[in-house]
N, C-alpha and C. Protein backbone atom coordinates (compact mmCIF):
# COMPACT_ATOMS: atom_id res chain seq x y z
N MET A 1 -20.09 6.65 -15.75
CA MET A 1 -18.73 6.14 -14.24
C MET A 1 -17.62 5.14 -14.96
N ALA A 2 -16.67 5.62 -14.89
CA ALA A 2 -15.12 5.09 -15.25
C ALA A 2 -14.59 3.37 -14.78
N ALA A 3 -14.62 2.23 -15.87
CA ALA A 3 -13.94 1.17 -14.99
C ALA A 3 -12.26 1.60 -14.43
N PRO A 4 -13.09 0.75 -12.85
CA PRO A 4 -11.79 0.77 -12.09
C PRO A 4 -10.36 0.22 -12.53
N ASN A 5 -9.30 1.11 -12.78
CA ASN A 5 -7.74 0.53 -12.39
C ASN A 5 -7.39 -0.77 -12.18
N TYR A 6 -7.76 -0.76 -10.71
CA TYR A 6 -7.05 -1.29 -9.35
C TYR A 6 -8.12 -2.75 -10.22
N PRO A 7 -7.79 -4.31 -9.42
CA PRO A 7 -5.69 -4.50 -8.85
C PRO A 7 -5.44 -4.76 -10.38
N LEU A 8 -4.04 -3.91 -10.44
CA LEU A 8 -3.19 -3.89 -11.18
C LEU A 8 -2.74 -5.59 -11.34
N VAL A 9 -1.81 -6.08 -12.92
CA VAL A 9 -1.70 -7.57 -12.91
C VAL A 9 -0.90 -7.21 -12.32
N LYS A 10 0.19 -8.32 -11.92
CA LYS A 10 1.13 -8.45 -11.09
C LYS A 10 2.92 -8.64 -12.02
N PRO A 11 3.23 -7.29 -11.71
CA PRO A 11 4.06 -8.35 -12.81
C PRO A 11 5.72 -8.46 -11.59
N ALA A 12 6.08 -9.71 -12.53
CA ALA A 12 7.06 -10.35 -11.94
C ALA A 12 8.06 -9.66 -10.45
N ASP A 13 8.40 -8.33 -11.19
CA ASP A 13 9.41 -7.38 -9.78
C ASP A 13 8.55 -6.20 -9.92
N ASP A 14 8.45 -4.94 -8.84
CA ASP A 14 8.04 -4.02 -9.10
C ASP A 14 8.21 -2.62 -8.66
N ALA A 15 9.17 -2.40 -9.25
CA ALA A 15 10.31 -1.05 -8.35
C ALA A 15 9.55 -0.77 -8.09
N ARG A 16 8.05 0.27 -8.14
CA ARG A 16 7.55 0.35 -7.40
C ARG A 16 7.07 0.27 -5.22
N PHE A 17 6.91 -0.79 -5.31
CA PHE A 17 7.01 -1.36 -3.88
C PHE A 17 7.50 -1.20 -3.46
N THR A 18 7.81 -0.10 -2.94
CA THR A 18 8.90 -0.67 -1.22
C THR A 18 8.69 0.09 -0.46
N ILE A 19 9.75 -0.44 0.42
CA ILE A 19 9.79 0.37 1.70
C ILE A 19 9.48 2.31 2.14
N GLY A 20 10.18 2.67 0.55
CA GLY A 20 9.68 4.52 0.80
C GLY A 20 8.35 4.78 0.07
N LEU A 21 8.08 3.34 -0.32
CA LEU A 21 6.26 4.17 -0.69
C LEU A 21 5.58 3.89 0.71
N LEU A 22 5.86 2.48 1.12
CA LEU A 22 4.81 2.47 2.39
C LEU A 22 5.20 3.71 3.23
N CYS A 23 6.62 3.59 3.80
CA CYS A 23 7.27 4.66 4.70
C CYS A 23 5.92 6.23 4.74
N ASP A 24 6.30 6.37 3.01
CA ASP A 24 5.37 7.59 2.59
C ASP A 24 4.09 7.60 2.63
N LEU A 25 3.62 6.43 2.28
CA LEU A 25 2.48 6.54 2.88
C LEU A 25 1.68 6.47 4.09
N ALA A 26 2.23 6.01 4.44
CA ALA A 26 2.91 6.35 6.58
C ALA A 26 2.95 7.76 6.62
N ALA A 27 3.41 8.70 6.88
CA ALA A 27 3.72 9.77 6.92
C ALA A 27 2.49 10.23 5.85
N VAL A 28 1.31 10.61 4.66
CA VAL A 28 0.88 11.42 5.06
C VAL A 28 -0.47 11.10 6.13
N LEU A 29 -0.64 9.59 6.13
CA LEU A 29 -1.78 9.32 7.69
C LEU A 29 -1.93 10.12 7.82
N GLU A 30 -0.43 10.05 8.78
CA GLU A 30 0.48 10.91 10.75
C GLU A 30 0.25 12.56 10.27
N GLN A 31 0.17 12.69 9.15
CA GLN A 31 0.44 14.42 7.96
C GLN A 31 -1.68 14.34 8.53
N ALA A 32 -2.71 13.17 7.82
CA ALA A 32 -3.67 13.79 8.45
C ALA A 32 -4.31 13.51 9.31
N GLY A 33 -4.36 13.23 10.78
CA GLY A 33 -4.10 13.22 11.74
C GLY A 33 -4.41 11.30 12.24
N TYR A 34 -3.82 10.83 12.00
CA TYR A 34 -3.98 9.44 11.74
C TYR A 34 -2.33 9.00 13.18
N PRO A 35 -2.70 8.14 14.39
CA PRO A 35 -1.49 7.66 15.12
C PRO A 35 -0.85 7.30 14.28
N LYS A 36 0.05 7.63 14.77
CA LYS A 36 2.37 7.32 14.34
C LYS A 36 1.50 5.21 13.46
N LEU A 37 2.17 5.21 12.88
CA LEU A 37 1.91 3.79 12.52
C LEU A 37 3.84 2.93 12.95
N VAL A 38 3.31 1.99 14.11
CA VAL A 38 4.36 1.59 14.45
C VAL A 38 4.31 -0.21 14.37
N GLY A 39 5.49 -1.16 14.39
CA GLY A 39 5.26 -2.21 14.49
C GLY A 39 4.80 -2.27 13.43
N HIS A 40 3.64 -3.78 13.83
CA HIS A 40 2.79 -4.52 13.30
C HIS A 40 1.83 -3.97 11.97
N ASP A 41 2.26 -2.72 12.70
CA ASP A 41 0.51 -1.52 12.07
C ASP A 41 0.96 -1.41 10.16
N LEU A 42 2.79 -1.23 10.35
CA LEU A 42 3.45 -1.28 9.46
C LEU A 42 2.91 -2.80 8.11
N VAL A 43 3.19 -3.22 8.70
CA VAL A 43 2.77 -4.57 8.57
C VAL A 43 1.65 -4.71 7.27
N GLU A 44 0.57 -4.32 8.43
CA GLU A 44 -0.87 -4.87 7.60
C GLU A 44 -1.16 -3.00 6.77
N LEU A 45 -0.60 -2.52 6.68
CA LEU A 45 -0.29 -1.03 5.88
C LEU A 45 -0.06 -1.87 4.57
N ARG A 46 0.91 -2.21 5.26
CA ARG A 46 2.14 -3.07 3.28
C ARG A 46 1.23 -4.58 2.52
N GLN A 47 0.46 -5.26 3.65
CA GLN A 47 -0.79 -6.53 3.23
C GLN A 47 -2.03 -5.71 2.70
N ALA A 48 -2.37 -4.17 3.27
CA ALA A 48 -3.62 -4.04 2.80
C ALA A 48 -3.16 -3.35 1.12
N ILE A 49 -1.71 -2.30 1.12
CA ILE A 49 -1.94 -1.90 -0.09
C ILE A 49 -1.18 -2.89 -1.49
N TYR A 50 -1.10 -3.77 -0.68
CA TYR A 50 -0.66 -5.12 -1.57
C TYR A 50 -1.84 -5.02 -2.40
N ARG A 51 -3.17 -6.05 -1.71
CA ARG A 51 -4.45 -6.28 -1.46
C ARG A 51 -4.90 -5.40 -2.99
N PHE A 52 -4.91 -4.07 -2.39
CA PHE A 52 -5.46 -2.72 -3.31
C PHE A 52 -4.79 -3.29 -4.04
N LEU A 53 -3.32 -3.11 -4.67
CA LEU A 53 -2.34 -2.69 -5.86
C LEU A 53 -3.36 -4.37 -6.99
N TYR A 54 -2.70 -5.04 -6.05
CA TYR A 54 -2.54 -6.56 -6.92
C TYR A 54 -4.16 -7.59 -6.77
N GLY A 55 -4.28 -6.67 -5.93
CA GLY A 55 -5.61 -8.00 -5.60
C GLY A 55 -5.33 -8.65 -4.83
N SER A 56 -6.24 -9.81 -4.25
CA SER A 56 -6.57 -10.98 -3.06
C SER A 56 -5.78 -11.50 -3.99
N HIS A 57 -6.38 -12.37 -5.30
CA HIS A 57 -5.91 -13.89 -5.99
C HIS A 57 -5.07 -13.64 -6.94
N THR A 58 -3.56 -12.82 -6.86
CA THR A 58 -2.14 -12.71 -7.69
C THR A 58 -0.96 -13.46 -7.04
């Protein structure tokens, strides 16, 4: 089994982590049949993606 690639070392500024990325991920979830993300759902998704990408101790 290969070593995991995540979490990443967080750069000072990651131009890839944008509202556009968040909207794209929300759209993928909706297309898969999950309910539309609204309000605080988007905040929670953003935090979950951030923790996945960079870990919780960065």
